């Protein structure tokens, strides 16, 4: 049975409205989170200046979680699902999404696809089925991004090893070799080594910065490299 012209128009309008609302809410969420992170950093810097560097600062400037990061939507999701795996996947995919943004996009996609399917088919069963597919599509996108990034990192790792070896043979410390990789290697290898170098500059212990990089990039070759460097030190 062919769909009526009116049904197609209604479905298109509904999809456009929900999509625009989702994008707007996601952007608003990101803006609010960036303002919160900036405020937390200013508070932490003020605490350090007033109390001295020995005063513990919760959350830290590098890892920046902080006690106030649990918004109501995120807190609700954490009660019903394993959100840590989603956050780890986004980090390993090199994405800047927050967990709140992921939840907003997932909710918007679910509502949009489910509503359009319901308008076009007049079937709640079909709407629920397509809505379920839409609900898992953002995580599938993150998974594809993660796999591609890990493949690219693994492809560029031999060049990083060569640059590190050249720096060590020239008599430079390992930290200089990490900076050389950050400057000379291709992405995503350069970005990860740059982050590790910057973390060291901000006071994170050398060993911790390398272990954190190995956690963000779960490749056996990189873990072996980090282990070798730590043993050498």
C-alpha atoms as a PDB file:
ATOM      1  CA  UNK A   1       0.000   0.000   0.000  1.00  0.00           C
ATOM      2  CA  UNK A   2       1.454   3.345  -1.018  1.00  0.00           C
ATOM      3  CA  UNK A   3       1.963   6.036   1.554  1.00  0.00           C
ATOM      4  CA  UNK A   4      -0.147   9.166   1.350  1.00  0.00           C
ATOM      5  CA  UNK A   5       1.427  12.485   0.511  1.00  0.00           C
ATOM      6  CA  UNK A   6       0.180  13.920   3.812  1.00  0.00           C
ATOM      7  CA  UNK A   7       1.803  11.102   5.807  1.00  0.00           C
ATOM      8  CA  UNK A   8       5.160  11.691   4.112  1.00  0.00           C
ATOM      9  CA  UNK A   9       4.997  15.421   4.825  1.00  0.00           C
ATOM     10  CA  UNK A  10       4.044  14.812   8.466  1.00  0.00           C
ATOM     11  CA  UNK A  11       6.847  12.291   8.905  1.00  0.00           C
ATOM     12  CA  UNK A  12       9.378  14.653   7.337  1.00  0.00           C
ATOM     13  CA  UNK A  13       8.330  17.531   9.560  1.00  0.00           C
ATOM     14  CA  UNK A  14       8.415  15.344  12.664  1.00  0.00           C
ATOM     15  CA  UNK A  15      11.866  14.025  11.805  1.00  0.00           C
ATOM     16  CA  UNK A  16      13.209  17.526  11.110  1.00  0.00           C
ATOM     17  CA  UNK A  17      11.792  18.946  14.347  1.00  0.00           C
ATOM     18  CA  UNK A  18      13.156  16.148  16.535  1.00  0.00           C
ATOM     19  CA  UNK A  19      16.531  16.209  14.766  1.00  0.00           C
ATOM     20  CA  UNK A  20      16.930  19.973  15.149  1.00  0.00           C
ATOM     21  CA  UNK A  21      15.857  19.752  18.781  1.00  0.00           C
ATOM     22  CA  UNK A  22      18.387  16.972  19.423  1.00  0.00           C
ATOM     23  CA  UNK A  23      21.249  18.844  17.766  1.00  0.00           C
ATOM     24  CA  UNK A  24      20.373  22.040  19.629  1.00  0.00           C
ATOM     25  CA  UNK A  25      20.182  20.216  22.958  1.00  0.00           C
ATOM     26  CA  UNK A  26      23.480  18.417  22.306  1.00  0.00           C
ATOM     27  CA  UNK A  27      25.233  21.704  21.474  1.00  0.00           C
ATOM     28  CA  UNK A  28      23.714  23.350  24.534  1.00  0.00           C
ATOM     29  CA  UNK A  29      24.866  20.428  26.669  1.00  0.00           C
ATOM     30  CA  UNK A  30      28.437  20.683  25.316  1.00  0.00           C
ATOM     31  CA  UNK A  31      28.460  24.430  25.954  1.00  0.00           C
ATOM     32  CA  UNK A  32      27.242  23.960  29.519  1.00  0.00           C
ATOM     33  CA  UNK A  33      29.834  21.249  30.159  1.00  0.00           C
ATOM     34  CA  UNK A  34      32.661  23.412  28.782  1.00  0.00           C
ATOM     35  CA  UNK A  35      31.589  26.286  31.036  1.00  0.00           C
ATOM     36  CA  UNK A  36      31.492  23.937  34.015  1.00  0.00           C
ATOM     37  CA  UNK A  37      34.951  22.534  33.253  1.00  0.00           C
ATOM     38  CA  UNK A  38      36.358  26.055  32.912  1.00  0.00           C
ATOM     39  CA  UNK A  39      34.797  27.025  36.253  1.00  0.00           C
ATOM     40  CA  UNK A  40      36.206  23.911  37.955  1.00  0.00           C
ATOM     41  CA  UNK A  41      39.686  24.629  36.597  1.00  0.00           C
ATOM     42  CA  UNK A  42      39.542  28.214  37.875  1.00  0.00           C
ATOM     43  CA  UNK A  43      38.422  26.936  41.281  1.00  0.00           C
ATOM     44  CA  UNK A  44      41.221  24.384  41.362  1.00  0.00           C
ATOM     45  CA  UNK A  45      43.841  26.947  40.394  1.00  0.00           C
ATOM     46  CA  UNK A  46      42.526  29.283  43.071  1.00  0.00           C
ATOM     47  CA  UNK A  47      42.753  26.482  45.633  1.00  0.00           C
ATOM     48  CA  UNK A  48      46.332  25.718  44.642  1.00  0.00           C
ATOM     49  CA  UNK A  49      47.355  29.394  44.838  1.00  0.00           C
ATOM     50  CA  UNK A  50      45.707  29.927  48.209  1.00  0.00           C
ATOM     51  CA  UNK A  51      46.656  26.674  49.938  1.00  0.00           C
ATOM     52  CA  UNK A  52      49.886  25.661  48.195  1.00  0.00           C
ATOM     53  CA  UNK A  53      50.663  22.810  45.860  1.00  0.00           C
ATOM     54  CA  UNK A  54      50.471  20.245  48.655  1.00  0.00           C
ATOM     55  CA  UNK A  55      46.720  20.695  48.974  1.00  0.00           C
ATOM     56  CA  UNK A  56      44.975  17.809  47.177  1.00  0.00           C
ATOM     57  CA  UNK A  57      42.841  18.950  44.274  1.00  0.00           C
ATOM     58  CA  UNK A  58      40.004  16.587  43.477  1.00  0.00           C
ATOM     59  CA  UNK A  59      39.591  15.683  39.839  1.00  0.00           C
ATOM     60  CA  UNK A  60      42.855  17.253  38.702  1.00  0.00           C
ATOM     61  CA  UNK A  61      43.539  19.534  35.785  1.00  0.00           C
ATOM     62  CA  UNK A  62      44.350  16.731  33.396  1.00  0.00           C
ATOM     63  CA  UNK A  63      41.691  14.139  34.016  1.00  0.00           C
ATOM     64  CA  UNK A  64      39.168  16.756  35.042  1.00  0.00           C
ATOM     65  CA  UNK A  65      36.243  14.685  36.234  1.00  0.00           C
ATOM     66  CA  UNK A  66      35.491  16.543  39.427  1.00  0.00           C
ATOM     67  CA  UNK A  67      32.720  15.821  41.874  1.00  0.00           C
ATOM     68  CA  UNK A  68      30.157  17.892  39.972  1.00  0.00           C
ATOM     69  CA  UNK A  69      30.240  16.020  36.688  1.00  0.00           C
ATOM     70  CA  UNK A  70      27.185  13.841  37.353  1.00  0.00           C
ATOM     71  CA  UNK A  71      24.294  15.673  35.735  1.00  0.00           C
ATOM     72  CA  UNK A  72      20.801  14.241  36.271  1.00  0.00           C
ATOM     73  CA  UNK A  73      20.661  12.549  32.855  1.00  0.00           C
ATOM     74  CA  UNK A  74      24.094  10.976  33.343  1.00  0.00           C
ATOM     75  CA  UNK A  75      23.293   9.923  36.895  1.00  0.00           C
ATOM     76  CA  UNK A  76      20.074   8.293  35.721  1.00  0.00           C
ATOM     77  CA  UNK A  77      21.890   6.405  32.967  1.00  0.00           C
ATOM     78  CA  UNK A  78      24.515   5.167  35.394  1.00  0.00           C
ATOM     79  CA  UNK A  79      21.819   3.655  37.556  1.00  0.00           C
ATOM     80  CA  UNK A  80      20.482   1.530  34.697  1.00  0.00           C
ATOM     81  CA  UNK A  81      23.513   0.737  32.543  1.00  0.00           C
ATOM     82  CA  UNK A  82      27.264   0.422  32.221  1.00  0.00           C
ATOM     83  CA  UNK A  83      28.184   3.916  31.141  1.00  0.00           C
ATOM     84  CA  UNK A  84      31.889   3.451  31.906  1.00  0.00           C
ATOM     85  CA  UNK A  85      32.297   1.239  28.829  1.00  0.00           C
ATOM     86  CA  UNK A  86      30.738   3.942  26.655  1.00  0.00           C
ATOM     87  CA  UNK A  87      33.049   6.615  28.060  1.00  0.00           C
ATOM     88  CA  UNK A  88      36.108   4.403  27.515  1.00  0.00           C
ATOM     89  CA  UNK A  89      35.044   3.670  23.942  1.00  0.00           C
ATOM     90  CA  UNK A  90      34.645   7.390  23.191  1.00  0.00           C
ATOM     91  CA  UNK A  91      38.097   8.137  24.621  1.00  0.00           C
ATOM     92  CA  UNK A  92      39.661   5.303  22.619  1.00  0.00           C
ATOM     93  CA  UNK A  93      37.864   6.570  19.511  1.00  0.00           C
ATOM     94  CA  UNK A  94      39.438   9.997  20.022  1.00  0.00           C
ATOM     95  CA  UNK A  95      36.031  11.662  20.293  1.00  0.00           C
ATOM     96  CA  UNK A  96      35.270  14.794  22.276  1.00  0.00           C
ATOM     97  CA  UNK A  97      31.711  13.799  23.121  1.00  0.00           C
ATOM     98  CA  UNK A  98      30.757  13.784  26.763  1.00  0.00           C
ATOM     99  CA  UNK A  99      28.559  11.039  28.127  1.00  0.00           C
ATOM    100  CA  UNK A 100      25.704  13.535  28.319  1.00  0.00           C
ATOM    101  CA  UNK A 101      26.054  14.371  24.634  1.00  0.00           C
ATOM    102  CA  UNK A 102      26.010  10.679  23.750  1.00  0.00           C
ATOM    103  CA  UNK A 103      22.843  10.171  25.773  1.00  0.00           C
ATOM    104  CA  UNK A 104      21.123  13.180  24.187  1.00  0.00           C
ATOM    105  CA  UNK A 105      21.981  11.999  20.662  1.00  0.00           C
ATOM    106  CA  UNK A 106      20.868   8.453  21.454  1.00  0.00           C
ATOM    107  CA  UNK A 107      17.576   9.651  22.914  1.00  0.00           C
ATOM    108  CA  UNK A 108      16.964  12.008  19.993  1.00  0.00           C
ATOM    109  CA  UNK A 109      17.693   9.338  17.382  1.00  0.00           C
ATOM    110  CA  UNK A 110      15.398   6.890  19.149  1.00  0.00           C
ATOM    111  CA  UNK A 111      12.502   9.346  19.339  1.00  0.00           C
ATOM    112  CA  UNK A 112      12.953  10.627  15.771  1.00  0.00           C
ATOM    113  CA  UNK A 113      13.134   7.222  14.109  1.00  0.00           C
ATOM    114  CA  UNK A 114      10.383   5.748  16.257  1.00  0.00           C
ATOM    115  CA  UNK A 115       8.039   8.673  15.614  1.00  0.00           C
ATOM    116  CA  UNK A 116       8.638   8.718  11.859  1.00  0.00           C
ATOM    117  CA  UNK A 117       8.136   4.945  11.631  1.00  0.00           C
ATOM    118  CA  UNK A 118       4.915   5.192  13.608  1.00  0.00           C
ATOM    119  CA  UNK A 119       3.570   7.940  11.327  1.00  0.00           C
ATOM    120  CA  UNK A 120       4.470   6.047   8.155  1.00  0.00           C
ATOM    121  CA  UNK A 121       3.432   2.528   9.167  1.00  0.00           C
ATOM    122  CA  UNK A 122       0.831   3.130  11.904  1.00  0.00           C
ATOM    123  CA  UNK A 123       2.408   0.128  13.648  1.00  0.00           C
ATOM    124  CA  UNK A 124       3.684   0.375  17.213  1.00  0.00           C
ATOM    125  CA  UNK A 125       5.624  -2.860  16.776  1.00  0.00           C
ATOM    126  CA  UNK A 126       7.507  -1.525  13.754  1.00  0.00           C
ATOM    127  CA  UNK A 127       8.103   1.795  15.514  1.00  0.00           C
ATOM    128  CA  UNK A 128       9.583   0.029  18.537  1.00  0.00           C
ATOM    129  CA  UNK A 129      11.792  -2.168  16.351  1.00  0.00           C
ATOM    130  CA  UNK A 130      13.229   0.738  14.341  1.00  0.00           C
ATOM    131  CA  UNK A 131      13.566   2.855  17.486  1.00  0.00           C
ATOM    132  CA  UNK A 132      15.632   0.083  19.075  1.00  0.00           C
ATOM    133  CA  UNK A 133      17.917   0.028  16.033  1.00  0.00           C
ATOM    134  CA  UNK A 134      18.284   3.795  16.223  1.00  0.00           C
ATOM    135  CA  UNK A 135      19.104   3.562  19.935  1.00  0.00           C
ATOM    136  CA  UNK A 136      22.168   1.392  19.308  1.00  0.00           C
ATOM    137  CA  UNK A 137      23.338   3.245  16.193  1.00  0.00           C
ATOM    138  CA  UNK A 138      25.338   5.945  18.080  1.00  0.00           C
ATOM    139  CA  UNK A 139      27.290   3.272  19.953  1.00  0.00           C
ATOM    140  CA  UNK A 140      27.882   1.447  16.678  1.00  0.00           C
ATOM    141  CA  UNK A 141      29.257   4.675  15.207  1.00  0.00           C
ATOM    142  CA  UNK A 142      31.605   5.051  18.178  1.00  0.00           C
ATOM    143  CA  UNK A 143      32.722   1.444  17.728  1.00  0.00           C
ATOM    144  CA  UNK A 144      33.605   2.027  14.081  1.00  0.00           C
ATOM    145  CA  UNK A 145      35.507   5.192  14.956  1.00  0.00           C
ATOM    146  CA  UNK A 146      37.357   3.320  17.701  1.00  0.00           C
ATOM    147  CA  UNK A 147      38.387   0.439  15.424  1.00  0.00           C
ATOM    148  CA  UNK A 148      39.569   2.821  12.695  1.00  0.00           C
ATOM    149  CA  UNK A 149      41.600   4.890  15.140  1.00  0.00           C
ATOM    150  CA  UNK A 150      43.272   1.846  16.682  1.00  0.00           C
ATOM    151  CA  UNK A 151      44.122   0.542  13.205  1.00  0.00           C
ATOM    152  CA  UNK A 152      45.641   3.911  12.264  1.00  0.00           C
ATOM    153  CA  UNK A 153      47.603   4.023  15.515  1.00  0.00           C
ATOM    154  CA  UNK A 154      48.950   0.517  14.994  1.00  0.00           C
ATOM    155  CA  UNK A 155      50.004   1.451  11.459  1.00  0.00           C
ATOM    156  CA  UNK A 156      51.882   4.540  12.682  1.00  0.00           C
ATOM    157  CA  UNK A 157      53.494   2.940  15.747  1.00  0.00           C
ATOM    158  CA  UNK A 158      56.633   1.646  13.929  1.00  0.00           C
ATOM    159  CA  UNK A 159      57.478   5.219  12.926  1.00  0.00           C
ATOM    160  CA  UNK A 160      57.109   6.283  16.563  1.00  0.00           C
ATOM    161  CA  UNK A 161      59.459   3.502  17.651  1.00  0.00           C
ATOM    162  CA  UNK A 162      62.001   4.649  15.074  1.00  0.00           C
ATOM    163  CA  UNK A 163      61.794   8.258  16.267  1.00  0.00           C
ATOM    164  CA  UNK A 164      62.160   7.216  19.903  1.00  0.00           C
ATOM    165  CA  UNK A 165      65.136   5.036  19.046  1.00  0.00           C
ATOM    166  CA  UNK A 166      66.846   7.881  17.173  1.00  0.00           C
ATOM    167  CA  UNK A 167      66.344  10.237  20.105  1.00  0.00           C
ATOM    168  CA  UNK A 168      67.754   7.761  22.625  1.00  0.00           C
ATOM    169  CA  UNK A 169      70.741   6.903  20.408  1.00  0.00           C
ATOM    170  CA  UNK A 170      71.468  10.632  20.110  1.00  0.00           C
ATOM    171  CA  UNK A 171      71.696  10.847  23.891  1.00  0.00           C
ATOM    172  CA  UNK A 172      68.371  12.565  24.563  1.00  0.00           C
ATOM    173  CA  UNK A 173      66.101  11.538  27.457  1.00  0.00           C
ATOM    174  CA  UNK A 174      62.938   9.569  26.806  1.00  0.00           C
ATOM    175  CA  UNK A 175      60.809  12.667  27.418  1.00  0.00           C
ATOM    176  CA  UNK A 176      62.535  14.390  24.506  1.00  0.00           C
ATOM    177  CA  UNK A 177      61.862  11.336  22.373  1.00  0.00           C
ATOM    178  CA  UNK A 178      58.173  11.552  23.261  1.00  0.00           C
ATOM    179  CA  UNK A 179      58.170  15.194  22.200  1.00  0.00           C
ATOM    180  CA  UNK A 180      59.900  14.250  18.941  1.00  0.00           C
ATOM    181  CA  UNK A 181      57.182  11.686  18.201  1.00  0.00           C
ATOM    182  CA  UNK A 182      54.524  14.294  18.995  1.00  0.00           C
ATOM    183  CA  UNK A 183      56.120  16.727  16.517  1.00  0.00           C
ATOM    184  CA  UNK A 184      57.081  14.361  13.710  1.00  0.00           C
ATOM    185  CA  UNK A 185      54.670  11.410  13.687  1.00  0.00           C
ATOM    186  CA  UNK A 186      51.271  11.291  11.981  1.00  0.00           C
ATOM    187  CA  UNK A 187      47.921  11.272  13.734  1.00  0.00           C
ATOM    188  CA  UNK A 188      46.640   9.686  15.890  1.00  0.00           C
ATOM    189  CA  UNK A 189      50.080   8.715  17.221  1.00  0.00           C
ATOM    190  CA  UNK A 190      51.249  12.331  17.396  1.00  0.00           C
ATOM    191  CA  UNK A 191      48.204  13.440  19.365  1.00  0.00           C
ATOM    192  CA  UNK A 192      48.527  10.724  21.994  1.00  0.00           C
ATOM    193  CA  UNK A 193      52.235  11.341  22.525  1.00  0.00           C
ATOM    194  CA  UNK A 194      51.578  15.089  22.653  1.00  0.00           C
ATOM    195  CA  UNK A 195      48.964  14.536  25.345  1.00  0.00           C
ATOM    196  CA  UNK A 196      51.394  12.385  27.328  1.00  0.00           C
ATOM    197  CA  UNK A 197      54.075  15.060  27.037  1.00  0.00           C
ATOM    198  CA  UNK A 198      51.682  17.815  28.111  1.00  0.00           C
ATOM    199  CA  UNK A 199      50.526  15.771  31.099  1.00  0.00           C
ATOM    200  CA  UNK A 200      54.133  15.521  32.225  1.00  0.00           C
ATOM    201  CA  UNK A 201      54.539  19.267  31.853  1.00  0.00           C
ATOM    202  CA  UNK A 202      51.512  19.821  34.083  1.00  0.00           C
ATOM    203  CA  UNK A 203      53.010  17.667  36.819  1.00  0.00           C
ATOM    204  CA  UNK A 204      51.674  14.172  36.169  1.00  0.00           C
ATOM    205  CA  UNK A 205      54.414  11.603  36.918  1.00  0.00           C
ATOM    206  CA  UNK A 206      56.161  10.247  33.843  1.00  0.00           C
ATOM    207  CA  UNK A 207      55.147   6.659  34.537  1.00  0.00           C
ATOM    208  CA  UNK A 208      51.503   7.619  35.073  1.00  0.00           C
ATOM    209  CA  UNK A 209      51.334   9.546  31.797  1.00  0.00           C
ATOM    210  CA  UNK A 210      52.578   6.529  29.827  1.00  0.00           C
ATOM    211  CA  UNK A 211      50.244   4.133  31.632  1.00  0.00           C
ATOM    212  CA  UNK A 212      47.333   6.473  30.884  1.00  0.00           C
ATOM    213  CA  UNK A 213      48.269   6.506  27.183  1.00  0.00           C
ATOM    214  CA  UNK A 214      48.365   2.700  27.141  1.00  0.00           C
ATOM    215  CA  UNK A 215      44.880   2.690  28.701  1.00  0.00           C
ATOM    216  CA  UNK A 216      43.540   5.107  26.063  1.00  0.00           C
ATOM    217  CA  UNK A 217      45.065   3.028  23.254  1.00  0.00           C
ATOM    218  CA  UNK A 218      44.597  -0.655  24.182  1.00  0.00           C
ATOM    219  CA  UNK A 219      47.090  -2.146  21.740  1.00  0.00           C
ATOM    220  CA  UNK A 220      49.468  -4.929  22.745  1.00  0.00           C
ATOM    221  CA  UNK A 221      52.376  -3.334  20.852  1.00  0.00           C
ATOM    222  CA  UNK A 222      51.951  -0.032  22.680  1.00  0.00           C
ATOM    223  CA  UNK A 223      51.634  -1.774  26.040  1.00  0.00           C
ATOM    224  CA  UNK A 224      54.879  -3.618  25.325  1.00  0.00           C
ATOM    225  CA  UNK A 225      56.553  -0.313  24.419  1.00  0.00           C
ATOM    226  CA  UNK A 226      55.328   1.362  27.616  1.00  0.00           C
ATOM    227  CA  UNK A 227      56.493  -1.630  29.679  1.00  0.00           C
ATOM    228  CA  UNK A 228      59.909  -1.532  28.051  1.00  0.00           C
ATOM    229  CA  UNK A 229      60.278   2.195  28.722  1.00  0.00           C
ATOM    230  CA  UNK A 230      59.242   1.830  32.369  1.00  0.00           C
ATOM    231  CA  UNK A 231      61.660  -1.058  32.877  1.00  0.00           C
ATOM    232  CA  UNK A 232      64.467   0.908  31.208  1.00  0.00           C
ATOM    233  CA  UNK A 233      63.812   3.847  33.557  1.00  0.00           C
END
